[in-house]
Amino acid sequence: MDTSLVLELGLQALILAAKLAAPVLLTALVVGFTISLLQSITQVQEVTLSFVPKMIAVALVLLFAGNWMMSESVQFFHMLFERLPELIESPA
Protein backbone atom coordinates (compact mmCIF):
# COMPACT_ATOMS: atom_id res chain seq x y z
CA MET A 1 0.00 0.00 0.00
CA ASP A 2 1.37 3.36 -1.03
CA THR A 3 1.82 6.15 1.51
CA SER A 4 -0.03 8.63 -0.68
CA LEU A 5 -3.00 6.25 -0.83
CA VAL A 6 -3.12 6.05 2.95
CA LEU A 7 -2.96 9.83 3.24
CA GLU A 8 -5.69 10.25 0.63
CA LEU A 9 -8.01 7.83 2.43
CA GLY A 10 -7.26 9.46 5.78
CA LEU A 11 -8.02 12.88 4.37
CA GLN A 12 -11.30 11.66 2.86
CA ALA A 13 -12.27 10.09 6.20
CA LEU A 14 -11.53 13.33 8.07
CA ILE A 15 -13.52 15.38 5.56
CA LEU A 16 -16.43 12.95 5.89
CA ALA A 17 -16.29 13.17 9.69
CA ALA A 18 -16.34 16.97 9.51
CA LYS A 19 -19.25 16.95 7.05
CA LEU A 20 -21.26 14.60 9.25
CA ALA A 21 -20.54 16.44 12.50
CA ALA A 22 -21.07 19.97 11.15
CA PRO A 23 -24.90 20.13 11.14
CA VAL A 24 -25.19 18.83 14.70
CA LEU A 25 -22.36 20.95 16.08
CA LEU A 26 -23.47 24.14 14.36
CA THR A 27 -27.04 23.66 15.56
CA ALA A 28 -25.89 23.11 19.14
CA LEU A 29 -23.64 26.16 18.87
CA VAL A 30 -26.35 28.47 17.54
CA VAL A 31 -29.03 27.28 19.97
CA GLY A 32 -26.61 27.39 22.92
CA PHE A 33 -25.48 30.90 22.03
CA THR A 34 -29.05 32.11 21.59
CA ILE A 35 -30.18 30.65 24.91
CA SER A 36 -27.11 32.02 26.69
CA LEU A 37 -27.78 35.45 25.24
CA LEU A 38 -31.40 35.23 26.34
CA GLN A 39 -30.34 34.14 29.83
CA SER A 40 -27.87 36.99 30.17
CA ILE A 41 -30.46 39.52 29.03
CA THR A 42 -33.17 38.26 31.38
CA GLN A 43 -30.73 37.21 34.16
CA VAL A 44 -32.46 33.83 34.45
CA GLN A 45 -29.77 31.26 35.27
CA GLU A 46 -31.46 27.88 34.86
CA VAL A 47 -29.39 24.92 33.67
CA THR A 48 -32.25 23.04 32.04
CA LEU A 49 -33.20 26.16 30.08
CA SER A 50 -30.05 25.74 28.00
CA PHE A 51 -29.96 21.93 27.89
CA VAL A 52 -33.50 21.05 26.82
CA PRO A 53 -33.77 23.35 23.75
CA LYS A 54 -30.30 22.26 22.63
CA MET A 55 -31.28 18.60 22.98
CA ILE A 56 -34.50 19.13 21.02
CA ALA A 57 -32.73 21.08 18.26
CA VAL A 58 -30.02 18.43 17.87
CA ALA A 59 -32.67 15.68 17.77
CA LEU A 60 -34.53 17.56 15.02
CA VAL A 61 -31.34 18.01 13.01
CA LEU A 62 -30.59 14.31 13.32
CA LEU A 63 -34.14 13.52 12.27
CA PHE A 64 -33.97 15.69 9.15
CA ALA A 65 -30.30 15.21 8.21
CA GLY A 66 -29.94 11.59 9.32
CA ASN A 67 -30.82 10.18 5.91
CA TRP A 68 -28.19 12.36 4.23
CA MET A 69 -25.62 11.45 6.88
CA MET A 70 -26.26 7.74 6.42
CA SER A 71 -26.09 7.96 2.64
CA GLU A 72 -22.77 9.83 2.83
CA SER A 73 -21.36 7.15 5.16
CA VAL A 74 -22.60 4.30 2.97
CA GLN A 75 -21.17 5.98 -0.13
CA PHE A 76 -17.76 6.33 1.56
CA PHE A 77 -17.72 2.69 2.65
CA HIS A 78 -18.78 1.54 -0.83
CA MET A 79 -15.82 3.46 -2.20
CA LEU A 80 -13.55 1.77 0.34
CA PHE A 81 -14.82 -1.70 -0.56
CA GLU A 82 -14.43 -0.98 -4.27
CA ARG A 83 -10.82 0.02 -3.66
CA LEU A 84 -10.09 -2.96 -1.41
CA PRO A 85 -8.06 -4.90 -4.00
CA GLU A 86 -5.94 -1.79 -4.54
CA LEU A 87 -5.49 -1.41 -0.78
CA ILE A 88 -4.37 -4.96 -0.02
CA GLU A 89 -2.25 -5.31 -3.14
CA SER A 90 1.36 -5.95 -2.13
CA PRO A 91 4.05 -3.97 -3.96
CA ALA A 92 6.34 -6.18 -6.05
PDB file of N, CA and C in Angstrom:
ATOM      1  N   MET A   1       0.854  -1.177   0.000  1.00  0.00           N
ATOM      2  CA  MET A   1       0.000   0.000   0.000  1.00  0.00           C
ATOM      3  C   MET A   1       0.898   1.237   0.000  1.00  0.00           C
ATOM      4  N   ASP A   2       0.585   2.153  -0.857  1.00  0.00           N
ATOM      5  CA  ASP A   2       1.368   3.361  -1.027  1.00  0.00           C
ATOM      6  C   ASP A   2       1.029   4.377   0.068  1.00  0.00           C
ATOM      7  N   THR A   3       2.025   5.145   0.475  1.00  0.00           N
ATOM      8  CA  THR A   3       1.821   6.153   1.508  1.00  0.00           C
ATOM      9  C   THR A   3       0.828   7.225   1.064  1.00  0.00           C
ATOM     10  N   SER A   4       0.896   7.613  -0.182  1.00  0.00           N
ATOM     11  CA  SER A   4      -0.033   8.634  -0.676  1.00  0.00           C
ATOM     12  C   SER A   4      -1.478   8.131  -0.657  1.00  0.00           C
ATOM     13  N   LEU A   5      -1.659   6.836  -0.882  1.00  0.00           N
ATOM     14  CA  LEU A   5      -3.003   6.254  -0.833  1.00  0.00           C
ATOM     15  C   LEU A   5      -3.555   6.295   0.587  1.00  0.00           C
ATOM     16  N   VAL A   6      -2.696   5.996   1.550  1.00  0.00           N
ATOM     17  CA  VAL A   6      -3.123   6.052   2.949  1.00  0.00           C
ATOM     18  C   VAL A   6      -3.475   7.478   3.346  1.00  0.00           C
ATOM     19  N   LEU A   7      -2.671   8.433   2.932  1.00  0.00           N
ATOM     20  CA  LEU A   7      -2.956   9.832   3.242  1.00  0.00           C
ATOM     21  C   LEU A   7      -4.242  10.306   2.563  1.00  0.00           C
ATOM     22  N   GLU A   8      -4.468   9.872   1.336  1.00  0.00           N
ATOM     23  CA  GLU A   8      -5.688  10.251   0.630  1.00  0.00           C
ATOM     24  C   GLU A   8      -6.931   9.690   1.325  1.00  0.00           C
ATOM     25  N   LEU A   9      -6.871   8.427   1.729  1.00  0.00           N
ATOM     26  CA  LEU A   9      -8.015   7.828   2.428  1.00  0.00           C
ATOM     27  C   LEU A   9      -8.230   8.463   3.795  1.00  0.00           C
ATOM     28  N   GLY A  10      -7.139   8.781   4.487  1.00  0.00           N
ATOM     29  CA  GLY A  10      -7.260   9.456   5.778  1.00  0.00           C
ATOM     30  C   GLY A  10      -7.872  10.839   5.637  1.00  0.00           C
ATOM     31  N   LEU A  11      -7.465  11.555   4.617  1.00  0.00           N
ATOM     32  CA  LEU A  11      -8.021  12.884   4.367  1.00  0.00           C
ATOM     33  C   LEU A  11      -9.510  12.804   4.027  1.00  0.00           C
ATOM     34  N   GLN A  12      -9.885  11.837   3.195  1.00  0.00           N
ATOM     35  CA  GLN A  12     -11.296  11.657   2.856  1.00  0.00           C
ATOM     36  C   GLN A  12     -12.116  11.292   4.088  1.00  0.00           C
ATOM     37  N   ALA A  13     -11.555  10.470   4.974  1.00  0.00           N
ATOM     38  CA  ALA A  13     -12.270  10.091   6.199  1.00  0.00           C
ATOM     39  C   ALA A  13     -12.439  11.292   7.123  1.00  0.00           C
ATOM     40  N   LEU A  14     -11.422  12.136   7.234  1.00  0.00           N
ATOM     41  CA  LEU A  14     -11.535  13.330   8.070  1.00  0.00           C
ATOM     42  C   LEU A  14     -12.540  14.331   7.504  1.00  0.00           C
ATOM     43  N   ILE A  15     -12.553  14.476   6.191  1.00  0.00           N
ATOM     44  CA  ILE A  15     -13.524  15.375   5.562  1.00  0.00           C
ATOM     45  C   ILE A  15     -14.936  14.851   5.775  1.00  0.00           C
ATOM     46  N   LEU A  16     -15.116  13.542   5.652  1.00  0.00           N
ATOM     47  CA  LEU A  16     -16.431  12.954   5.890  1.00  0.00           C
ATOM     48  C   LEU A  16     -16.865  13.159   7.336  1.00  0.00           C
ATOM     49  N   ALA A  17     -15.952  12.963   8.281  1.00  0.00           N
ATOM     50  CA  ALA A  17     -16.292  13.173   9.692  1.00  0.00           C
ATOM     51  C   ALA A  17     -16.691  14.619   9.957  1.00  0.00           C
ATOM     52  N   ALA A  18     -15.993  15.559   9.340  1.00  0.00           N
ATOM     53  CA  ALA A  18     -16.342  16.975   9.514  1.00  0.00           C
ATOM     54  C   ALA A  18     -17.692  17.292   8.881  1.00  0.00           C
ATOM     55  N   LYS A  19     -17.968  16.722   7.698  1.00  0.00           N
ATOM     56  CA  LYS A  19     -19.254  16.954   7.047  1.00  0.00           C
ATOM     57  C   LYS A  19     -20.409  16.381   7.861  1.00  0.00           C
ATOM     58  N   LEU A  20     -20.188  15.229   8.483  1.00  0.00           N
ATOM     59  CA  LEU A  20     -21.255  14.597   9.253  1.00  0.00           C
ATOM     60  C   LEU A  20     -21.477  15.282  10.595  1.00  0.00           C
ATOM     61  N   ALA A  21     -20.419  15.808  11.182  1.00  0.00           N
ATOM     62  CA  ALA A  21     -20.541  16.445  12.496  1.00  0.00           C
ATOM     63  C   ALA A  21     -21.006  17.895  12.408  1.00  0.00           C
ATOM     64  N   ALA A  22     -20.785  18.539  11.278  1.00  0.00           N
ATOM     65  CA  ALA A  22     -21.073  19.971  11.150  1.00  0.00           C
ATOM     66  C   ALA A  22     -22.525  20.356  11.435  1.00  0.00           C
ATOM     67  N   PRO A  23     -23.526  19.684  10.868  1.00  0.00           N
ATOM     68  CA  PRO A  23     -24.900  20.132  11.145  1.00  0.00           C
ATOM     69  C   PRO A  23     -25.266  20.063  12.626  1.00  0.00           C
ATOM     70  N   VAL A  24     -24.859  18.990  13.286  1.00  0.00           N
ATOM     71  CA  VAL A  24     -25.187  18.827  14.703  1.00  0.00           C
ATOM     72  C   VAL A  24     -24.442  19.854  15.552  1.00  0.00           C
ATOM     73  N   LEU A  25     -23.154  20.016  15.283  1.00  0.00           N
ATOM     74  CA  LEU A  25     -22.359  20.949  16.084  1.00  0.00           C
ATOM     75  C   LEU A  25     -22.780  22.398  15.866  1.00  0.00           C
ATOM     76  N   LEU A  26     -23.052  22.761  14.626  1.00  0.00           N
ATOM     77  CA  LEU A  26     -23.470  24.141  14.358  1.00  0.00           C
ATOM     78  C   LEU A  26     -24.837  24.446  14.970  1.00  0.00           C
ATOM     79  N   THR A  27     -25.728  23.467  14.935  1.00  0.00           N
ATOM     80  CA  THR A  27     -27.038  23.659  15.563  1.00  0.00           C
ATOM     81  C   THR A  27     -26.903  23.842  17.060  1.00  0.00           C
ATOM     82  N   ALA A  28     -26.104  22.989  17.691  1.00  0.00           N
ATOM     83  CA  ALA A  28     -25.894  23.108  19.137  1.00  0.00           C
ATOM     84  C   ALA A  28     -25.233  24.437  19.482  1.00  0.00           C
ATOM     85  N   LEU A  29     -24.311  24.885  18.636  1.00  0.00           N
ATOM     86  CA  LEU A  29     -23.641  26.159  18.868  1.00  0.00           C
ATOM     87  C   LEU A  29     -24.615  27.329  18.775  1.00  0.00           C
ATOM     88  N   VAL A  30     -25.421  27.358  17.740  1.00  0.00           N
ATOM     89  CA  VAL A  30     -26.355  28.472  17.543  1.00  0.00           C
ATOM     90  C   VAL A  30     -27.417  28.492  18.633  1.00  0.00           C
ATOM     91  N   VAL A  31     -27.991  27.330  18.943  1.00  0.00           N
ATOM     92  CA  VAL A  31     -29.028  27.280  19.975  1.00  0.00           C
ATOM     93  C   VAL A  31     -28.431  27.617  21.338  1.00  0.00           C
ATOM     94  N   GLY A  32     -27.262  27.094  21.637  1.00  0.00           N
ATOM     95  CA  GLY A  32     -26.611  27.394  22.917  1.00  0.00           C
ATOM     96  C   GLY A  32     -26.292  28.870  23.058  1.00  0.00           C
ATOM     97  N   PHE A  33     -25.786  29.474  21.980  1.00  0.00           N
ATOM     98  CA  PHE A  33     -25.477  30.905  22.030  1.00  0.00           C
ATOM     99  C   PHE A  33     -26.738  31.741  22.207  1.00  0.00           C
ATOM    100  N   THR A  34     -27.792  31.364  21.491  1.00  0.00           N
ATOM    101  CA  THR A  34     -29.050  32.106  21.594  1.00  0.00           C
ATOM    102  C   THR A  34     -29.637  32.020  22.994  1.00  0.00           C
ATOM    103  N   ILE A  35     -29.643  30.827  23.558  1.00  0.00           N
ATOM    104  CA  ILE A  35     -30.180  30.645  24.907  1.00  0.00           C
ATOM    105  C   ILE A  35     -29.310  31.365  25.939  1.00  0.00           C
ATOM    106  N   SER A  36     -28.005  31.315  25.766  1.00  0.00           N
ATOM    107  CA  SER A  36     -27.111  32.024  26.693  1.00  0.00           C
ATOM    108  C   SER A  36     -27.317  33.528  26.620  1.00  0.00           C
ATOM    109  N   LEU A  37     -27.506  34.026  25.408  1.00  0.00           N
ATOM    110  CA  LEU A  37     -27.779  35.450  25.244  1.00  0.00           C
ATOM    111  C   LEU A  37     -29.104  35.822  25.903  1.00  0.00           C
ATOM    112  N   LEU A  38     -30.107  35.002  25.713  1.00  0.00           N
ATOM    113  CA  LEU A  38     -31.404  35.229  26.341  1.00  0.00           C
ATOM    114  C   LEU A  38     -31.295  35.181  27.868  1.00  0.00           C
ATOM    115  N   GLN A  39     -30.515  34.239  28.374  1.00  0.00           N
ATOM    116  CA  GLN A  39     -30.336  34.142  29.829  1.00  0.00           C
ATOM    117  C   GLN A  39     -29.600  35.346  30.385  1.00  0.00           C
ATOM    118  N   SER A  40     -28.609  35.826  29.661  1.00  0.00           N
ATOM    119  CA  SER A  40     -27.875  36.987  30.170  1.00  0.00           C
ATOM    120  C   SER A  40     -28.719  38.258  30.111  1.00  0.00           C
ATOM    121  N   ILE A  41     -29.588  38.348  29.121  1.00  0.00           N
ATOM    122  CA  ILE A  41     -30.464  39.523  29.029  1.00  0.00           C
ATOM    123  C   ILE A  41     -31.501  39.510  30.139  1.00  0.00           C
ATOM    124  N   THR A  42     -32.105  38.344  30.371  1.00  0.00           N
ATOM    125  CA  THR A  42     -33.173  38.261  31.375  1.00  0.00           C
ATOM    126  C   THR A  42     -32.657  37.922  32.769  1.00  0.00           C
ATOM    127  N   GLN A  43     -31.380  37.591  32.904  1.00  0.00           N
ATOM    128  CA  GLN A  43     -30.733  37.214  34.162  1.00  0.00           C
ATOM    129  C   GLN A  43     -31.390  35.996  34.802  1.00  0.00           C
ATOM    130  N   VAL A  44     -31.913  35.104  33.977  1.00  0.00           N
ATOM    131  CA  VAL A  44     -32.457  33.834  34.446  1.00  0.00           C
ATOM    132  C   VAL A  44     -31.361  32.792  34.259  1.00  0.00           C
ATOM    133  N   GLN A  45     -30.860  32.230  35.342  1.00  0.00           N
ATOM    134  CA  GLN A  45     -29.774  31.257  35.272  1.00  0.00           C
ATOM    135  C   GLN A  45     -30.300  29.871  35.630  1.00  0.00           C
ATOM    136  N   GLU A  46     -30.917  29.223  34.670  1.00  0.00           N
ATOM    137  CA  GLU A  46     -31.459  27.883  34.863  1.00  0.00           C
ATOM    138  C   GLU A  46     -30.723  26.934  33.925  1.00  0.00           C
ATOM    139  N   VAL A  47     -30.196  25.839  34.465  1.00  0.00           N
ATOM    140  CA  VAL A  47     -29.387  24.919  33.673  1.00  0.00           C
ATOM    141  C   VAL A  47     -30.232  24.218  32.620  1.00  0.00           C
ATOM    142  N   THR A  48     -31.423  23.777  32.999  1.00  0.00           N
ATOM    143  CA  THR A  48     -32.254  23.045  32.042  1.00  0.00           C
ATOM    144  C   THR A  48     -32.753  23.937  30.917  1.00  0.00           C
ATOM    145  N   LEU A  49     -32.759  25.238  31.123  1.00  0.00           N
ATOM    146  CA  LEU A  49     -33.195  26.157  30.083  1.00  0.00           C
ATOM    147  C   LEU A  49     -32.245  26.126  28.888  1.00  0.00           C
ATOM    148  N   SER A  50     -30.983  25.832  29.123  1.00  0.00           N
ATOM    149  CA  SER A  50     -30.053  25.745  27.998  1.00  0.00           C
ATOM    150  C   SER A  50     -29.935  24.318  27.467  1.00  0.00           C
ATOM    151  N   PHE A  51     -30.153  23.325  28.309  1.00  0.00           N
ATOM    152  CA  PHE A  51     -29.962  21.934  27.894  1.00  0.00           C
ATOM    153  C   PHE A  51     -31.121  21.404  27.054  1.00  0.00           C
ATOM    154  N   VAL A  52     -32.330  21.631  27.488  1.00  0.00           N
ATOM    155  CA  VAL A  52     -33.500  21.050  26.819  1.00  0.00           C
ATOM    156  C   VAL A  52     -33.683  21.581  25.395  1.00  0.00           C
ATOM    157  N   PRO A  53     -33.632  22.892  25.148  1.00  0.00           N
ATOM    158  CA  PRO A  53     -33.766  23.350  23.749  1.00  0.00           C
ATOM    159  C   PRO A  53     -32.637  22.844  22.849  1.00  0.00           C
ATOM    160  N   LYS A  54     -31.421  22.760  23.408  1.00  0.00           N
ATOM    161  CA  LYS A  54     -30.303  22.259  22.627  1.00  0.00           C
ATOM    162  C   LYS A  54     -30.519  20.790  22.266  1.00  0.00           C
ATOM    163  N   MET A  55     -31.014  20.008  23.213  1.00  0.00           N
ATOM    164  CA  MET A  55     -31.281  18.597  22.975  1.00  0.00           C
ATOM    165  C   MET A  55     -32.374  18.424  21.920  1.00  0.00           C
ATOM    166  N   ILE A  56     -33.411  19.220  21.995  1.00  0.00           N
ATOM    167  CA  ILE A  56     -34.503  19.132  21.021  1.00  0.00           C
ATOM    168  C   ILE A  56     -34.016  19.544  19.630  1.00  0.00           C
ATOM    169  N   ALA A  57     -33.231  20.611  19.559  1.00  0.00           N
ATOM    170  CA  ALA A  57     -32.730  21.081  18.261  1.00  0.00           C
ATOM    171  C   ALA A  57     -31.803  20.054  17.621  1.00  0.00           C
ATOM    172  N   VAL A  58     -30.932  19.444  18.408  1.00  0.00           N
ATOM    173  CA  VAL A  58     -30.023  18.428  17.872  1.00  0.00           C
ATOM    174  C   VAL A  58     -30.815  17.206  17.416  1.00  0.00           C
ATOM    175  N   ALA A  59     -31.835  16.821  18.172  1.00  0.00           N
ATOM    176  CA  ALA A  59     -32.672  15.683  17.772  1.00  0.00           C
ATOM    177  C   ALA A  59     -33.381  15.974  16.452  1.00  0.00           C
ATOM    178  N   LEU A  60     -33.867  17.196  16.273  1.00  0.00           N
ATOM    179  CA  LEU A  60     -34.529  17.562  15.020  1.00  0.00           C
ATOM    180  C   LEU A  60     -33.552  17.554  13.840  1.00  0.00           C
ATOM    181  N   VAL A  61     -32.340  18.031  14.081  1.00  0.00           N
ATOM    182  CA  VAL A  61     -31.339  18.014  13.014  1.00  0.00           C
ATOM    183  C   VAL A  61     -31.006  16.577  12.640  1.00  0.00           C
ATOM    184  N   LEU A  62     -30.858  15.709  13.619  1.00  0.00           N
ATOM    185  CA  LEU A  62     -30.589  14.308  13.324  1.00  0.00           C
ATOM    186  C   LEU A  62     -31.763  13.660  12.600  1.00  0.00           C
ATOM    187  N   LEU A  63     -32.964  14.063  12.933  1.00  0.00           N
ATOM    188  CA  LEU A  63     -34.138  13.525  12.269  1.00  0.00           C
ATOM    189  C   LEU A  63     -34.179  13.930  10.796  1.00  0.00           C
ATOM    190  N   PHE A  64     -33.890  15.198  10.519  1.00  0.00           N
ATOM    191  CA  PHE A  64     -33.970  15.691   9.153  1.00  0.00           C
ATOM    192  C   PHE A  64     -32.721  15.397   8.324  1.00  0.00           C
ATOM    193  N   ALA A  65     -31.546  15.420   8.953  1.00  0.00           N
ATOM    194  CA  ALA A  65     -30.303  15.211   8.209  1.00  0.00           C
ATOM    195  C   ALA A  65     -29.765  13.790   8.341  1.00  0.00           C
ATOM    196  N   GLY A  66     -30.434  12.952   9.097  1.00  0.00           N
ATOM    197  CA  GLY A  66     -29.943  11.587   9.321  1.00  0.00           C
ATOM    198  C   GLY A  66     -29.858  10.770   8.047  1.00  0.00           C
ATOM    199  N   ASN A  67     -30.833  10.922   7.164  1.00  0.00           N
ATOM    200  CA  ASN A  67     -30.821  10.184   5.908  1.00  0.00           C
ATOM    201  C   ASN A  67     -29.615  10.585   5.059  1.00  0.00           C
ATOM    202  N   TRP A  68     -29.352  11.876   4.985  1.00  0.00           N
ATOM    203  CA  TRP A  68     -28.190  12.355   4.232  1.00  0.00           C
ATOM    204  C   TRP A  68     -26.892  11.861   4.865  1.00  0.00           C
ATOM    205  N   MET A  69     -26.826  11.902   6.192  1.00  0.00           N
ATOM    206  CA  MET A  69     -25.616  11.448   6.885  1.00  0.00           C
ATOM    207  C   MET A  69     -25.361   9.960   6.626  1.00  0.00           C
ATOM    208  N   MET A  70     -26.415   9.172   6.669  1.00  0.00           N
ATOM    209  CA  MET A  70     -26.263   7.744   6.423  1.00  0.00           C
ATOM    210  C   MET A  70     -25.862   7.470   4.981  1.00  0.00           C
ATOM    211  N   SER A  71     -26.447   8.190   4.040  1.00  0.00           N
ATOM    212  CA  SER A  71     -26.095   7.964   2.636  1.00  0.00           C
ATOM    213  C   SER A  71     -24.648   8.367   2.354  1.00  0.00           C
ATOM    214  N   GLU A  72     -24.172   9.436   2.988  1.00  0.00           N
ATOM    215  CA  GLU A  72     -22.767   9.829   2.832  1.00  0.00           C
ATOM    216  C   GLU A  72     -21.834   8.755   3.395  1.00  0.00           C
ATOM    217  N   SER A  73     -22.184   8.206   4.551  1.00  0.00           N
ATOM    218  CA  SER A  73     -21.362   7.155   5.161  1.00  0.00           C
ATOM    219  C   SER A  73     -21.344   5.901   4.303  1.00  0.00           C
ATOM    220  N   VAL A  74     -22.509   5.498   3.813  1.00  0.00           N
ATOM    221  CA  VAL A  74     -22.596   4.303   2.969  1.00  0.00           C
ATOM    222  C   VAL A  74     -21.821   4.507   1.679  1.00  0.00           C
ATOM    223  N   GLN A  75     -21.907   5.685   1.102  1.00  0.00           N
ATOM    224  CA  GLN A  75     -21.171   5.980  -0.134  1.00  0.00           C
ATOM    225  C   GLN A  75     -19.657   5.891   0.104  1.00  0.00           C
ATOM    226  N   PHE A  76     -19.192   6.399   1.247  1.00  0.00           N
ATOM    227  CA  PHE A  76     -17.760   6.332   1.561  1.00  0.00           C
ATOM    228  C   PHE A  76     -17.308   4.886   1.728  1.00  0.00           C
ATOM    229  N   PHE A  77     -18.108   4.075   2.434  1.00  0.00           N
ATOM    230  CA  PHE A  77     -17.715   2.693   2.654  1.00  0.00           C
ATOM    231  C   PHE A  77     -17.820   1.864   1.372  1.00  0.00           C
ATOM    232  N   HIS A  78     -18.747   2.203   0.480  1.00  0.00           N
ATOM    233  CA  HIS A  78     -18.782   1.540  -0.825  1.00  0.00           C
ATOM    234  C   HIS A  78     -17.502   1.843  -1.598  1.00  0.00           C
ATOM    235  N   MET A  79     -17.062   3.090  -1.538  1.00  0.00           N
ATOM    236  CA  MET A  79     -15.821   3.458  -2.202  1.00  0.00           C
ATOM    237  C   MET A  79     -14.640   2.690  -1.610  1.00  0.00           C
ATOM    238  N   LEU A  80     -14.631   2.522  -0.289  1.00  0.00           N
ATOM    239  CA  LEU A  80     -13.552   1.767   0.342  1.00  0.00           C
ATOM    240  C   LEU A  80     -13.562   0.305  -0.102  1.00  0.00           C
ATOM    241  N   PHE A  81     -14.737  -0.302  -0.145  1.00  0.00           N
ATOM    242  CA  PHE A  81     -14.821  -1.699  -0.556  1.00  0.00           C
ATOM    243  C   PHE A  81     -14.484  -1.886  -2.028  1.00  0.00           C
ATOM    244  N   GLU A  82     -14.806  -0.907  -2.863  1.00  0.00           N
ATOM    245  CA  GLU A  82     -14.432  -0.984  -4.269  1.00  0.00           C
ATOM    246  C   GLU A  82     -12.918  -0.900  -4.435  1.00  0.00           C
ATOM    247  N   ARG A  83     -12.268  -0.140  -3.572  1.00  0.00           N
ATOM    248  CA  ARG A  83     -10.818   0.024  -3.661  1.00  0.00           C
ATOM    249  C   ARG A  83     -10.049  -0.996  -2.838  1.00  0.00           C
ATOM    250  N   LEU A  84     -10.746  -1.968  -2.262  1.00  0.00           N
ATOM    251  CA  LEU A  84     -10.094  -2.962  -1.406  1.00  0.00           C
ATOM    252  C   LEU A  84      -8.983  -3.734  -2.119  1.00  0.00           C
ATOM    253  N   PRO A  85      -9.179  -4.208  -3.344  1.00  0.00           N
ATOM    254  CA  PRO A  85      -8.062  -4.897  -4.002  1.00  0.00           C
ATOM    255  C   PRO A  85      -6.828  -4.004  -4.154  1.00  0.00           C
ATOM    256  N   GLU A  86      -7.056  -2.737  -4.413  1.00  0.00           N
ATOM    257  CA  GLU A  86      -5.939  -1.791  -4.536  1.00  0.00           C
ATOM    258  C   GLU A  86      -5.254  -1.588  -3.180  1.00  0.00           C
ATOM    259  N   LEU A  87      -6.040  -1.641  -2.105  1.00  0.00           N
ATOM    260  CA  LEU A  87      -5.492  -1.406  -0.780  1.00  0.00           C
ATOM    261  C   LEU A  87      -4.671  -2.561  -0.262  1.00  0.00           C
ATOM    262  N   ILE A  88      -5.095  -3.807  -0.565  1.00  0.00           N
ATOM    263  CA  ILE A  88      -4.373  -4.956  -0.021  1.00  0.00           C
ATOM    264  C   ILE A  88      -3.326  -5.501  -0.991  1.00  0.00           C
ATOM    265  N   GLU A  89      -3.222  -4.890  -2.156  1.00  0.00           N
ATOM    266  CA  GLU A  89      -2.246  -5.312  -3.142  1.00  0.00           C
ATOM    267  C   GLU A  89      -0.833  -5.066  -2.592  1.00  0.00           C
ATOM    268  N   SER A  90       0.001  -6.098  -2.642  1.00  0.00           N
ATOM    269  CA  SER A  90       1.363  -5.948  -2.126  1.00  0.00           C
ATOM    270  C   SER A  90       2.276  -5.448  -3.249  1.00  0.00           C
ATOM    271  N   PRO A  91       3.147  -4.487  -2.919  1.00  0.00           N
ATOM    272  CA  PRO A  91       4.048  -3.974  -3.958  1.00  0.00           C
ATOM    273  C   PRO A  91       5.089  -5.039  -4.326  1.00  0.00           C
ATOM    274  N   ALA A  92       5.394  -5.167  -5.604  1.00  0.00           N
ATOM    275  CA  ALA A  92       6.337  -6.182  -6.049  1.00  0.00           C
ATOM    276  C   ALA A  92       7.713  -5.605  -6.267  1.00  0.00           C
TER     277      ALA A  92
END
